Amino acid sequence: MGACISLMAYYEKRGNAWRAQIRRNGYPALSATFAAKAEAQRCPHEQ
């Protein structure tokens, strides 16, 4: 059987910036701040 990794990304507008928060089962949450929403949405795919 293969392992299933659940990934959830959350985007939030913070003033003039966007915060991306990524949660994965069994790992601590990661977050980063970006100038544009498009940059924040690319974040989970690059990790």
N, C-alpha and C. Protein backbone atom coordinates (compact mmCIF):
# COMPACT_ATOMS: atom_id res chain seq x y z
N MET A 1 0.83 -1.19 0.00
CA MET A 1 0.00 0.00 0.00
C MET A 1 0.87 1.25 0.00
N GLY A 2 0.45 2.25 -0.74
CA GLY A 2 1.18 3.52 -0.77
C GLY A 2 0.72 4.45 0.33
N ALA A 3 1.61 5.33 0.73
CA ALA A 3 1.27 6.31 1.77
C ALA A 3 0.51 7.47 1.14
N CYS A 4 -0.47 7.95 1.85
CA CYS A 4 -1.27 9.09 1.40
C CYS A 4 -0.89 10.31 2.23
N ILE A 5 -0.43 11.36 1.57
CA ILE A 5 -0.06 12.59 2.27
C ILE A 5 -1.13 13.63 1.96
N SER A 6 -1.77 14.12 3.00
CA SER A 6 -2.79 15.14 2.84
C SER A 6 -2.14 16.52 2.91
N LEU A 7 -2.45 17.37 1.96
CA LEU A 7 -1.90 18.72 1.90
C LEU A 7 -3.06 19.70 1.85
N MET A 8 -3.01 20.70 2.75
CA MET A 8 -4.04 21.74 2.75
C MET A 8 -3.34 23.09 2.75
N ALA A 9 -3.71 23.93 1.81
CA ALA A 9 -3.14 25.28 1.72
C ALA A 9 -4.23 26.30 2.02
N TYR A 10 -3.86 27.34 2.76
CA TYR A 10 -4.79 28.38 3.17
C TYR A 10 -4.15 29.72 2.82
N TYR A 11 -4.89 30.62 2.18
CA TYR A 11 -4.38 31.93 1.78
C TYR A 11 -5.16 33.02 2.49
N GLU A 12 -4.44 34.00 3.00
CA GLU A 12 -5.08 35.08 3.77
C GLU A 12 -4.45 36.41 3.39
N LYS A 13 -5.29 37.41 3.15
CA LYS A 13 -4.83 38.77 2.86
C LYS A 13 -4.43 39.44 4.16
N ARG A 14 -3.20 39.90 4.27
CA ARG A 14 -2.69 40.54 5.49
C ARG A 14 -2.16 41.92 5.11
N GLY A 15 -3.01 42.94 5.22
CA GLY A 15 -2.60 44.29 4.83
C GLY A 15 -2.38 44.33 3.32
N ASN A 16 -1.17 44.61 2.89
CA ASN A 16 -0.83 44.65 1.47
C ASN A 16 -0.19 43.36 0.99
N ALA A 17 -0.11 42.34 1.83
CA ALA A 17 0.56 41.10 1.49
C ALA A 17 -0.39 39.91 1.63
N TRP A 18 0.02 38.77 1.11
CA TRP A 18 -0.73 37.52 1.22
C TRP A 18 0.09 36.53 2.02
N ARG A 19 -0.58 35.82 2.92
CA ARG A 19 0.08 34.78 3.70
C ARG A 19 -0.43 33.42 3.23
N ALA A 20 0.50 32.53 2.96
CA ALA A 20 0.16 31.15 2.61
C ALA A 20 0.52 30.28 3.80
N GLN A 21 -0.42 29.46 4.23
CA GLN A 21 -0.17 28.51 5.32
C GLN A 21 -0.43 27.13 4.76
N ILE A 22 0.55 26.24 4.91
CA ILE A 22 0.47 24.89 4.38
C ILE A 22 0.48 23.91 5.54
N ARG A 23 -0.47 23.00 5.53
CA ARG A 23 -0.56 21.97 6.56
C ARG A 23 -0.48 20.60 5.89
N ARG A 24 0.34 19.72 6.48
CA ARG A 24 0.44 18.34 6.02
C ARG A 24 0.32 17.42 7.21
N ASN A 25 -0.31 16.28 7.02
CA ASN A 25 -0.46 15.33 8.11
C ASN A 25 0.90 14.89 8.63
N GLY A 26 1.08 14.95 9.93
CA GLY A 26 2.32 14.49 10.55
C GLY A 26 3.45 15.50 10.53
N TYR A 27 3.23 16.71 10.03
CA TYR A 27 4.27 17.74 9.95
C TYR A 27 3.75 19.03 10.56
N PRO A 28 4.64 19.87 11.09
CA PRO A 28 4.19 21.17 11.61
C PRO A 28 3.73 22.07 10.45
N ALA A 29 2.85 23.01 10.75
CA ALA A 29 2.37 23.95 9.73
C ALA A 29 3.50 24.87 9.29
N LEU A 30 3.51 25.19 8.01
CA LEU A 30 4.47 26.13 7.44
C LEU A 30 3.71 27.36 6.97
N SER A 31 4.32 28.54 7.11
CA SER A 31 3.68 29.74 6.58
C SER A 31 4.74 30.67 6.02
N ALA A 32 4.33 31.45 5.02
CA ALA A 32 5.21 32.42 4.39
C ALA A 32 4.35 33.57 3.89
N THR A 33 4.95 34.75 3.75
CA THR A 33 4.25 35.94 3.30
C THR A 33 4.77 36.34 1.91
N PHE A 34 3.85 36.74 1.03
CA PHE A 34 4.19 37.08 -0.34
C PHE A 34 3.51 38.39 -0.74
N ALA A 35 4.07 39.07 -1.73
CA ALA A 35 3.53 40.35 -2.18
C ALA A 35 2.26 40.15 -3.01
N ALA A 36 2.17 39.06 -3.75
CA ALA A 36 1.01 38.82 -4.62
C ALA A 36 0.39 37.46 -4.31
N LYS A 37 -0.91 37.35 -4.54
CA LYS A 37 -1.61 36.09 -4.27
C LYS A 37 -1.09 34.97 -5.17
N ALA A 38 -0.76 35.30 -6.42
CA ALA A 38 -0.25 34.29 -7.35
C ALA A 38 1.05 33.68 -6.82
N GLU A 39 1.91 34.49 -6.21
CA GLU A 39 3.14 33.97 -5.61
C GLU A 39 2.82 33.03 -4.45
N ALA A 40 1.85 33.40 -3.64
CA ALA A 40 1.46 32.57 -2.49
C ALA A 40 0.89 31.24 -2.96
N GLN A 41 0.17 31.23 -4.05
CA GLN A 41 -0.43 30.00 -4.55
C GLN A 41 0.60 29.07 -5.16
N ARG A 42 1.73 29.58 -5.62
CA ARG A 42 2.80 28.72 -6.13
C ARG A 42 3.57 28.05 -5.00
N CYS A 43 3.54 28.64 -3.82
CA CYS A 43 4.33 28.18 -2.68
C CYS A 43 4.17 26.69 -2.35
N PRO A 44 2.97 26.13 -2.20
CA PRO A 44 2.86 24.72 -1.81
C PRO A 44 3.45 23.76 -2.83
N HIS A 45 3.43 24.14 -4.11
CA HIS A 45 3.92 23.26 -5.16
C HIS A 45 5.44 23.24 -5.21
N GLU A 46 6.10 24.21 -4.62
CA GLU A 46 7.56 24.29 -4.68
C GLU A 46 8.22 23.64 -3.49
N GLN A 47 7.44 23.16 -2.52
CA GLN A 47 8.04 22.58 -1.32
C GLN A 47 8.09 21.08 -1.41
